[in-house]
C-alpha atoms as a PDB file:
ATOM      1  CA  UNK A   1      -1.237   8.379  -7.025  1.00  0.00           C
ATOM      2  CA  UNK A   2      -4.322   8.863  -9.432  1.00  0.00           C
ATOM      3  CA  UNK A   3      -7.381   8.774  -7.367  1.00  0.00           C
ATOM      4  CA  UNK A   4     -10.553   7.841  -9.749  1.00  0.00           C
ATOM      5  CA  UNK A   5     -14.017   8.187  -7.862  1.00  0.00           C
ATOM      6  CA  UNK A   6     -16.881   5.918  -9.923  1.00  0.00           C
ATOM      7  CA  UNK A   7     -20.458   6.018  -9.112  1.00  0.00           C
ATOM      8  CA  UNK A   8     -20.906   2.302  -7.471  1.00  0.00           C
ATOM      9  CA  UNK A   9     -18.819  -0.984  -7.048  1.00  0.00           C
ATOM     10  CA  UNK A  10     -19.661  -2.315 -10.401  1.00  0.00           C
ATOM     11  CA  UNK A  11     -18.292   0.834 -11.913  1.00  0.00           C
ATOM     12  CA  UNK A  12     -15.022   0.194 -10.125  1.00  0.00           C
ATOM     13  CA  UNK A  13     -14.862  -3.345 -11.192  1.00  0.00           C
ATOM     14  CA  UNK A  14     -15.169  -2.537 -15.010  1.00  0.00           C
ATOM     15  CA  UNK A  15     -12.498   0.010 -14.827  1.00  0.00           C
ATOM     16  CA  UNK A  16     -10.220  -2.524 -12.948  1.00  0.00           C
ATOM     17  CA  UNK A  17     -11.166  -5.249 -15.676  1.00  0.00           C
ATOM     18  CA  UNK A  18     -10.096  -2.546 -18.328  1.00  0.00           C
ATOM     19  CA  UNK A  19      -6.886  -2.019 -16.809  1.00  0.00           C
ATOM     20  CA  UNK A  20      -6.138  -5.683 -16.640  1.00  0.00           C
ATOM     21  CA  UNK A  21      -7.128  -6.184 -20.052  1.00  0.00           C
ATOM     22  CA  UNK A  22      -5.081  -3.215 -21.267  1.00  0.00           C
ATOM     23  CA  UNK A  23      -1.956  -4.820 -19.672  1.00  0.00           C
ATOM     24  CA  UNK A  24      -2.668  -8.362 -21.124  1.00  0.00           C
ATOM     25  CA  UNK A  25      -3.030  -6.775 -24.373  1.00  0.00           C
ATOM     26  CA  UNK A  26      -0.132  -4.770 -23.973  1.00  0.00           C
ATOM     27  CA  UNK A  27       2.075  -7.730 -22.777  1.00  0.00           C
ATOM     28  CA  UNK A  28       0.568 -10.730 -22.989  1.00  0.00           C
ATOM     29  CA  UNK A  29       3.151 -12.590 -21.134  1.00  0.00           C
ATOM     30  CA  UNK A  30       2.787  -9.977 -18.558  1.00  0.00           C
ATOM     31  CA  UNK A  31       3.027 -10.771 -14.741  1.00  0.00           C
ATOM     32  CA  UNK A  32       0.006 -10.143 -12.752  1.00  0.00           C
ATOM     33  CA  UNK A  33      -0.196  -9.478  -8.717  1.00  0.00           C
ATOM     34  CA  UNK A  34      -3.638 -10.972  -7.759  1.00  0.00           C
ATOM     35  CA  UNK A  35      -5.617 -10.260  -4.502  1.00  0.00           C
ATOM     36  CA  UNK A  36      -8.554 -12.189  -2.671  1.00  0.00           C
ATOM     37  CA  UNK A  37     -11.270 -11.138  -0.590  1.00  0.00           C
ATOM     38  CA  UNK A  38     -14.915  -9.511  -1.531  1.00  0.00           C
ATOM     39  CA  UNK A  39     -13.513  -6.404  -3.002  1.00  0.00           C
ATOM     40  CA  UNK A  40     -11.805  -7.847  -6.061  1.00  0.00           C
ATOM     41  CA  UNK A  41     -14.359 -10.617  -6.753  1.00  0.00           C
ATOM     42  CA  UNK A  42     -16.642  -8.571  -9.039  1.00  0.00           C
ATOM     43  CA  UNK A  43     -13.478  -7.668 -10.855  1.00  0.00           C
ATOM     44  CA  UNK A  44     -12.550 -11.490 -11.426  1.00  0.00           C
ATOM     45  CA  UNK A  45     -16.041 -12.013 -12.478  1.00  0.00           C
ATOM     46  CA  UNK A  46     -16.148  -9.284 -14.968  1.00  0.00           C
ATOM     47  CA  UNK A  47     -12.645 -10.868 -16.538  1.00  0.00           C
ATOM     48  CA  UNK A  48     -14.265 -14.088 -16.781  1.00  0.00           C
ATOM     49  CA  UNK A  49     -17.080 -12.623 -18.486  1.00  0.00           C
ATOM     50  CA  UNK A  50     -14.762 -10.976 -21.219  1.00  0.00           C
ATOM     51  CA  UNK A  51     -12.532 -13.836 -21.373  1.00  0.00           C
ATOM     52  CA  UNK A  52     -15.774 -16.244 -22.499  1.00  0.00           C
ATOM     53  CA  UNK A  53     -16.529 -13.316 -25.064  1.00  0.00           C
ATOM     54  CA  UNK A  54     -13.091 -13.829 -26.530  1.00  0.00           C
ATOM     55  CA  UNK A  55     -12.230 -10.280 -25.201  1.00  0.00           C
ATOM     56  CA  UNK A  56      -8.750 -10.998 -23.495  1.00  0.00           C
ATOM     57  CA  UNK A  57      -6.629 -14.070 -22.777  1.00  0.00           C
ATOM     58  CA  UNK A  58      -4.604 -15.006 -20.105  1.00  0.00           C
ATOM     59  CA  UNK A  59      -2.785 -17.960 -21.511  1.00  0.00           C
ATOM     60  CA  UNK A  60       0.647 -16.856 -21.667  1.00  0.00           C
ATOM     61  CA  UNK A  61       0.329 -14.458 -18.218  1.00  0.00           C
ATOM     62  CA  UNK A  62       1.924 -15.430 -14.890  1.00  0.00           C
ATOM     63  CA  UNK A  63       0.164 -14.666 -11.537  1.00  0.00           C
ATOM     64  CA  UNK A  64       1.490 -14.451  -7.834  1.00  0.00           C
ATOM     65  CA  UNK A  65      -1.060 -14.053  -5.093  1.00  0.00           C
ATOM     66  CA  UNK A  66      -0.507 -11.794  -2.351  1.00  0.00           C
ATOM     67  CA  UNK A  67      -0.749 -13.957   0.748  1.00  0.00           C
ATOM     68  CA  UNK A  68      -2.267 -17.406   2.021  1.00  0.00           C
ATOM     69  CA  UNK A  69      -3.297 -18.503   5.526  1.00  0.00           C
ATOM     70  CA  UNK A  70      -0.963 -20.759   7.470  1.00  0.00           C
ATOM     71  CA  UNK A  71      -2.523 -24.276   8.553  1.00  0.00           C
ATOM     72  CA  UNK A  72      -5.304 -24.728   6.272  1.00  0.00           C
ATOM     73  CA  UNK A  73      -5.251 -28.085   4.716  1.00  0.00           C
ATOM     74  CA  UNK A  74      -5.270 -28.366   0.836  1.00  0.00           C
ATOM     75  CA  UNK A  75      -8.717 -27.868  -0.788  1.00  0.00           C
ATOM     76  CA  UNK A  76     -10.159 -26.254   2.432  1.00  0.00           C
ATOM     77  CA  UNK A  77     -12.801 -23.973   0.978  1.00  0.00           C
ATOM     78  CA  UNK A  78     -11.375 -20.765   2.701  1.00  0.00           C
ATOM     79  CA  UNK A  79      -8.143 -21.286   1.195  1.00  0.00           C
ATOM     80  CA  UNK A  80      -6.993 -18.693  -1.032  1.00  0.00           C
ATOM     81  CA  UNK A  81      -5.771 -21.226  -3.404  1.00  0.00           C
ATOM     82  CA  UNK A  82      -9.512 -22.282  -3.694  1.00  0.00           C
ATOM     83  CA  UNK A  83     -10.847 -18.871  -3.901  1.00  0.00           C
ATOM     84  CA  UNK A  84      -8.674 -17.862  -6.909  1.00  0.00           C
ATOM     85  CA  UNK A  85      -9.306 -21.667  -8.626  1.00  0.00           C
ATOM     86  CA  UNK A  86     -13.141 -20.840  -8.156  1.00  0.00           C
ATOM     87  CA  UNK A  87     -13.420 -17.586  -8.976  1.00  0.00           C
ATOM     88  CA  UNK A  88     -10.551 -16.689 -11.954  1.00  0.00           C
ATOM     89  CA  UNK A  89      -8.311 -19.668 -12.813  1.00  0.00           C
ATOM     90  CA  UNK A  90     -10.941 -22.356 -13.683  1.00  0.00           C
ATOM     91  CA  UNK A  91     -13.075 -19.519 -15.470  1.00  0.00           C
ATOM     92  CA  UNK A  92     -10.276 -18.541 -17.888  1.00  0.00           C
ATOM     93  CA  UNK A  93      -7.486 -20.093 -19.779  1.00  0.00           C
ATOM     94  CA  UNK A  94      -4.878 -19.244 -17.048  1.00  0.00           C
ATOM     95  CA  UNK A  95      -2.019 -22.151 -17.145  1.00  0.00           C
ATOM     96  CA  UNK A  96      -2.279 -23.535 -13.884  1.00  0.00           C
ATOM     97  CA  UNK A  97       1.794 -23.898 -13.997  1.00  0.00           C
ATOM     98  CA  UNK A  98       2.159 -20.206 -14.062  1.00  0.00           C
ATOM     99  CA  UNK A  99      -0.463 -19.376 -11.141  1.00  0.00           C
ATOM    100  CA  UNK A 100       1.463 -18.982  -7.675  1.00  0.00           C
ATOM    101  CA  UNK A 101       0.378 -18.747  -4.308  1.00  0.00           C
ATOM    102  CA  UNK A 102       2.258 -18.765  -1.084  1.00  0.00           C
ATOM    103  CA  UNK A 103       2.576 -22.199   0.552  1.00  0.00           C
ATOM    104  CA  UNK A 104       1.349 -21.850   4.174  1.00  0.00           C
ATOM    105  CA  UNK A 105       0.833 -25.827   4.596  1.00  0.00           C
ATOM    106  CA  UNK A 106       4.452 -26.991   5.079  1.00  0.00           C
ATOM    107  CA  UNK A 107       7.005 -26.548   8.196  1.00  0.00           C
ATOM    108  CA  UNK A 108       9.594 -24.452   6.765  1.00  0.00           C
ATOM    109  CA  UNK A 109       7.366 -21.336   6.449  1.00  0.00           C
ATOM    110  CA  UNK A 110      10.285 -19.205   6.455  1.00  0.00           C
ATOM    111  CA  UNK A 111      12.063 -21.232   3.562  1.00  0.00           C
ATOM    112  CA  UNK A 112       8.599 -21.243   1.732  1.00  0.00           C
ATOM    113  CA  UNK A 113       8.384 -17.352   2.195  1.00  0.00           C
ATOM    114  CA  UNK A 114      12.376 -16.477   0.779  1.00  0.00           C
ATOM    115  CA  UNK A 115      11.272 -18.999  -1.944  1.00  0.00           C
ATOM    116  CA  UNK A 116       8.111 -17.017  -3.057  1.00  0.00           C
ATOM    117  CA  UNK A 117      10.120 -13.797  -3.050  1.00  0.00           C
ATOM    118  CA  UNK A 118      12.780 -15.528  -5.514  1.00  0.00           C
ATOM    119  CA  UNK A 119      10.293 -16.876  -7.639  1.00  0.00           C
ATOM    120  CA  UNK A 120       8.772 -13.434  -8.306  1.00  0.00           C
ATOM    121  CA  UNK A 121      12.061 -11.922  -8.774  1.00  0.00           C
ATOM    122  CA  UNK A 122      12.896 -14.883 -11.363  1.00  0.00           C
ATOM    123  CA  UNK A 123       9.670 -13.824 -13.190  1.00  0.00           C
ATOM    124  CA  UNK A 124      10.753 -10.440 -13.726  1.00  0.00           C
ATOM    125  CA  UNK A 125       8.888  -8.750 -11.029  1.00  0.00           C
ATOM    126  CA  UNK A 126       5.075  -7.835 -11.071  1.00  0.00           C
ATOM    127  CA  UNK A 127       3.680  -5.623 -13.946  1.00  0.00           C
ATOM    128  CA  UNK A 128       0.132  -5.117 -12.466  1.00  0.00           C
ATOM    129  CA  UNK A 129      -0.478  -5.709  -8.817  1.00  0.00           C
ATOM    130  CA  UNK A 130      -4.172  -5.664  -7.551  1.00  0.00           C
ATOM    131  CA  UNK A 131      -4.631  -4.586  -3.865  1.00  0.00           C
ATOM    132  CA  UNK A 132      -7.601  -4.046  -1.755  1.00  0.00           C
ATOM    133  CA  UNK A 133      -7.383  -2.218   1.614  1.00  0.00           C
ATOM    134  CA  UNK A 134      -8.324  -3.605   5.056  1.00  0.00           C
ATOM    135  CA  UNK A 135     -10.477  -0.967   7.210  1.00  0.00           C
ATOM    136  CA  UNK A 136      -7.330  -0.372   9.517  1.00  0.00           C
ATOM    137  CA  UNK A 137      -5.441   0.343   6.118  1.00  0.00           C
ATOM    138  CA  UNK A 138      -3.631  -3.005   5.921  1.00  0.00           C
ATOM    139  CA  UNK A 139      -2.527  -4.310   2.310  1.00  0.00           C
ATOM    140  CA  UNK A 140      -2.162  -7.950   1.912  1.00  0.00           C
ATOM    141  CA  UNK A 141      -1.572  -9.162   5.271  1.00  0.00           C
ATOM    142  CA  UNK A 142       0.705  -6.389   6.029  1.00  0.00           C
ATOM    143  CA  UNK A 143      -0.687  -5.409   9.389  1.00  0.00           C
ATOM    144  CA  UNK A 144      -0.445  -1.955  11.261  1.00  0.00           C
ATOM    145  CA  UNK A 145       3.089  -1.550  12.245  1.00  0.00           C
ATOM    146  CA  UNK A 146       4.870  -3.730   9.360  1.00  0.00           C
ATOM    147  CA  UNK A 147       8.128  -2.438   8.085  1.00  0.00           C
ATOM    148  CA  UNK A 148       7.945  -0.470   4.839  1.00  0.00           C
ATOM    149  CA  UNK A 149      10.618  -2.110   3.712  1.00  0.00           C
ATOM    150  CA  UNK A 150       9.284  -5.890   4.309  1.00  0.00           C
ATOM    151  CA  UNK A 151       9.478  -8.860   2.232  1.00  0.00           C
ATOM    152  CA  UNK A 152       7.511 -12.196   1.802  1.00  0.00           C
ATOM    153  CA  UNK A 153       7.196 -13.561   5.142  1.00  0.00           C
ATOM    154  CA  UNK A 154       5.114 -15.050   7.924  1.00  0.00           C
ATOM    155  CA  UNK A 155       3.186 -12.515   9.605  1.00  0.00           C
ATOM    156  CA  UNK A 156       0.399 -12.559  12.809  1.00  0.00           C
ATOM    157  CA  UNK A 157      -2.947 -11.546  11.985  1.00  0.00           C
ATOM    158  CA  UNK A 158      -4.563  -8.757  14.229  1.00  0.00           C
ATOM    159  CA  UNK A 159      -7.751  -9.608  16.051  1.00  0.00           C
ATOM    160  CA  UNK A 160      -9.543  -6.950  13.640  1.00  0.00           C
ATOM    161  CA  UNK A 161      -8.456  -8.630  10.435  1.00  0.00           C
ATOM    162  CA  UNK A 162      -9.644 -11.854  11.946  1.00  0.00           C
ATOM    163  CA  UNK A 163     -13.046 -10.541  13.010  1.00  0.00           C
ATOM    164  CA  UNK A 164     -13.243  -8.673   9.412  1.00  0.00           C
ATOM    165  CA  UNK A 165     -12.486 -12.398   7.695  1.00  0.00           C
ATOM    166  CA  UNK A 166     -14.677 -14.415  10.266  1.00  0.00           C
ATOM    167  CA  UNK A 167     -17.788 -13.888   7.818  1.00  0.00           C
ATOM    168  CA  UNK A 168     -16.131 -16.362   5.328  1.00  0.00           C
ATOM    169  CA  UNK A 169     -15.773 -19.110   8.145  1.00  0.00           C
ATOM    170  CA  UNK A 170     -18.271 -20.711  10.614  1.00  0.00           C
ATOM    171  CA  UNK A 171     -16.598 -18.718  13.496  1.00  0.00           C
ATOM    172  CA  UNK A 172     -13.782 -16.332  14.251  1.00  0.00           C
ATOM    173  CA  UNK A 173     -12.248 -19.448  16.189  1.00  0.00           C
ATOM    174  CA  UNK A 174     -11.762 -21.045  12.835  1.00  0.00           C
ATOM    175  CA  UNK A 175     -10.034 -18.078  11.097  1.00  0.00           C
ATOM    176  CA  UNK A 176      -6.102 -18.782  11.330  1.00  0.00           C
ATOM    177  CA  UNK A 177      -4.132 -16.712  13.329  1.00  0.00           C
ATOM    178  CA  UNK A 178      -1.086 -16.753  10.890  1.00  0.00           C
ATOM    179  CA  UNK A 179      -0.433 -15.881   7.107  1.00  0.00           C
ATOM    180  CA  UNK A 180       2.412 -15.878   4.572  1.00  0.00           C
ATOM    181  CA  UNK A 181       2.460 -12.354   2.946  1.00  0.00           C
ATOM    182  CA  UNK A 182       4.186 -10.816   0.192  1.00  0.00           C
ATOM    183  CA  UNK A 183       5.695  -7.547   2.056  1.00  0.00           C
ATOM    184  CA  UNK A 184       5.458  -3.995   1.525  1.00  0.00           C
ATOM    185  CA  UNK A 185       8.654  -3.697  -0.179  1.00  0.00           C
ATOM    186  CA  UNK A 186       7.727  -6.258  -2.648  1.00  0.00           C
ATOM    187  CA  UNK A 187       4.283  -4.639  -3.275  1.00  0.00           C
ATOM    188  CA  UNK A 188       6.525  -1.371  -3.954  1.00  0.00           C
ATOM    189  CA  UNK A 189       8.504  -3.076  -6.602  1.00  0.00           C
ATOM    190  CA  UNK A 190       5.413  -3.616  -8.889  1.00  0.00           C
ATOM    191  CA  UNK A 191       5.592  -1.607 -11.882  1.00  0.00           C
ATOM    192  CA  UNK A 192       1.674  -0.371 -11.612  1.00  0.00           C
ATOM    193  CA  UNK A 193      -0.292  -0.646  -8.544  1.00  0.00           C
ATOM    194  CA  UNK A 194      -3.996  -0.803  -8.643  1.00  0.00           C
ATOM    195  CA  UNK A 195      -6.241  -0.562  -5.541  1.00  0.00           C
ATOM    196  CA  UNK A 196      -9.638  -0.939  -5.106  1.00  0.00           C
ATOM    197  CA  UNK A 197     -11.751   0.312  -2.383  1.00  0.00           C
ATOM    198  CA  UNK A 198     -15.845   0.071  -2.184  1.00  0.00           C
ATOM    199  CA  UNK A 199     -18.365   0.814   0.675  1.00  0.00           C
ATOM    200  CA  UNK A 200     -18.615   3.307   3.407  1.00  0.00           C
ATOM    201  CA  UNK A 201     -16.647   0.900   5.639  1.00  0.00           C
ATOM    202  CA  UNK A 202     -13.405   1.750   3.915  1.00  0.00           C
ATOM    203  CA  UNK A 203     -13.896   5.452   3.558  1.00  0.00           C
ATOM    204  CA  UNK A 204     -11.867   6.179   6.759  1.00  0.00           C
ATOM    205  CA  UNK A 205      -8.959   3.968   5.670  1.00  0.00           C
ATOM    206  CA  UNK A 206      -9.185   5.401   2.110  1.00  0.00           C
ATOM    207  CA  UNK A 207      -8.570   9.061   3.340  1.00  0.00           C
ATOM    208  CA  UNK A 208      -5.845   8.170   5.709  1.00  0.00           C
ATOM    209  CA  UNK A 209      -4.130   6.408   2.924  1.00  0.00           C
ATOM    210  CA  UNK A 210      -4.390   9.036   0.227  1.00  0.00           C
ATOM    211  CA  UNK A 211      -4.329  12.404   2.329  1.00  0.00           C
ATOM    212  CA  UNK A 212      -2.638  11.225   5.592  1.00  0.00           C
ATOM    213  CA  UNK A 213       0.979  10.878   6.582  1.00  0.00           C
ATOM    214  CA  UNK A 214       3.272   7.767   5.346  1.00  0.00           C
ATOM    215  CA  UNK A 215       3.318   5.725   8.584  1.00  0.00           C
ATOM    216  CA  UNK A 216       3.836   2.033   9.111  1.00  0.00           C
ATOM    217  CA  UNK A 217       0.734   2.195  11.325  1.00  0.00           C
ATOM    218  CA  UNK A 218      -1.197   2.547   8.024  1.00  0.00           C
ATOM    219  CA  UNK A 219       0.614   0.280   5.617  1.00  0.00           C
ATOM    220  CA  UNK A 220      -1.231   1.611   2.679  1.00  0.00           C
ATOM    221  CA  UNK A 221       0.292   4.637   2.955  1.00  0.00           C
ATOM    222  CA  UNK A 222       3.451   3.657   1.728  1.00  0.00           C
ATOM    223  CA  UNK A 223       1.734   3.769  -1.719  1.00  0.00           C
ATOM    224  CA  UNK A 224       2.282   7.308  -1.774  1.00  0.00           C
ATOM    225  CA  UNK A 225       6.022   6.786  -2.495  1.00  0.00           C
ATOM    226  CA  UNK A 226       5.195   4.576  -5.490  1.00  0.00           C
ATOM    227  CA  UNK A 227       5.502   6.491  -9.016  1.00  0.00           C
ATOM    228  CA  UNK A 228       2.533   4.723 -10.558  1.00  0.00           C
ATOM    229  CA  UNK A 229      -0.673   4.111  -8.515  1.00  0.00           C
ATOM    230  CA  UNK A 230      -4.160   3.944  -9.577  1.00  0.00           C
ATOM    231  CA  UNK A 231      -7.002   3.913  -6.886  1.00  0.00           C
ATOM    232  CA  UNK A 232     -10.251   3.282  -7.755  1.00  0.00           C
ATOM    233  CA  UNK A 233     -12.963   4.297  -5.405  1.00  0.00           C
ATOM    234  CA  UNK A 234     -16.985   4.153  -5.368  1.00  0.00           C
ATOM    235  CA  UNK A 235     -18.613   7.254  -3.935  1.00  0.00           C
ATOM    236  CA  UNK A 236     -19.173   5.675  -0.567  1.00  0.00           C
ATOM    237  CA  UNK A 237     -15.563   4.860  -0.127  1.00  0.00           C
ATOM    238  CA  UNK A 238     -14.789   8.279  -1.188  1.00  0.00           C
ATOM    239  CA  UNK A 239     -16.918   9.902   1.349  1.00  0.00           C
ATOM    240  CA  UNK A 240     -14.425  11.036   3.704  1.00  0.00           C
ATOM    241  CA  UNK A 241     -11.808  12.452   0.991  1.00  0.00           C
ATOM    242  CA  UNK A 242     -11.230  16.407   1.764  1.00  0.00           C
ATOM    243  CA  UNK A 243     -10.229  16.556  -1.888  1.00  0.00           C
ATOM    244  CA  UNK A 244     -12.727  14.674  -3.640  1.00  0.00           C
ATOM    245  CA  UNK A 245     -13.564  17.519  -5.896  1.00  0.00           C
ATOM    246  CA  UNK A 246     -10.129  18.093  -7.101  1.00  0.00           C
ATOM    247  CA  UNK A 247      -9.605  14.410  -7.726  1.00  0.00           C
ATOM    248  CA  UNK A 248     -12.676  14.724  -9.896  1.00  0.00           C
ATOM    249  CA  UNK A 249     -11.601  17.704 -11.886  1.00  0.00           C
ATOM    250  CA  UNK A 250      -7.836  16.216 -12.604  1.00  0.00           C
ATOM    251  CA  UNK A 251      -9.608  12.747 -13.764  1.00  0.00           C
ATOM    252  CA  UNK A 252     -11.667  14.818 -16.095  1.00  0.00           C
ATOM    253  CA  UNK A 253      -8.549  16.401 -17.638  1.00  0.00           C
ATOM    254  CA  UNK A 254      -6.622  13.166 -17.677  1.00  0.00           C
ATOM    255  CA  UNK A 255      -9.354  11.341 -19.425  1.00  0.00           C
ATOM    256  CA  UNK A 256      -9.503  14.166 -22.035  1.00  0.00           C
ATOM    257  CA  UNK A 257      -5.807  13.772 -22.443  1.00  0.00           C
ATOM    258  CA  UNK A 258      -5.739   9.904 -22.778  1.00  0.00           C
ATOM    259  CA  UNK A 259      -8.727  10.282 -25.620  1.00  0.00           C
ATOM    260  CA  UNK A 260      -7.091  13.068 -27.574  1.00  0.00           C
END
């Protein structure tokens, strides 16, 4: 796990965009795993800016989002499909036919989950998977207690997650109680995982998943078992890391090696 401590949220977003662009230039037809929420928003804005400046293209890429609420009507402003359209897809040259999100609007949620998992496999798997992290250590909508081998499925959202997401709705009563989410096992199949965390509210979760034990009660800790994980954090999110100085030293050496 490569832990990179950066000055602020803007620096995290810029470095994340660098990694996306490197992946796209190396393989224009790559498969991208995308996330929603406040943390990746500035990264998407930076990617849109770079596209508009002619620095990167998404025209041959395929994308799969991590999750979607169950029960929101089509076009609902807080659906993750709408979020992605507004903040990335409509601002770049993504091919809409290659942009995939779980379908939480139908009656056969189990079938929709299985089809989504199959579609990821048929595309060749995820080349670069973007993640955020919840204050309780969840990734995607894999809440504490989720199986570390789990696959795409329906999950009930905890009260903490609903409270965290209530800021996007009129009230917590409007926040759905269910979601379709890719599983932890699905995430671990990605070739490269990129996790972003910013702000002091994420400091406890960052320390727990980077330096604590691997446990289903902290889903993000499963990333310790992956061979290629990059964690980008700002100073506030890194505040509780006991080995922060070591991570900075390692990154300095790694940067020198990559620049040589």
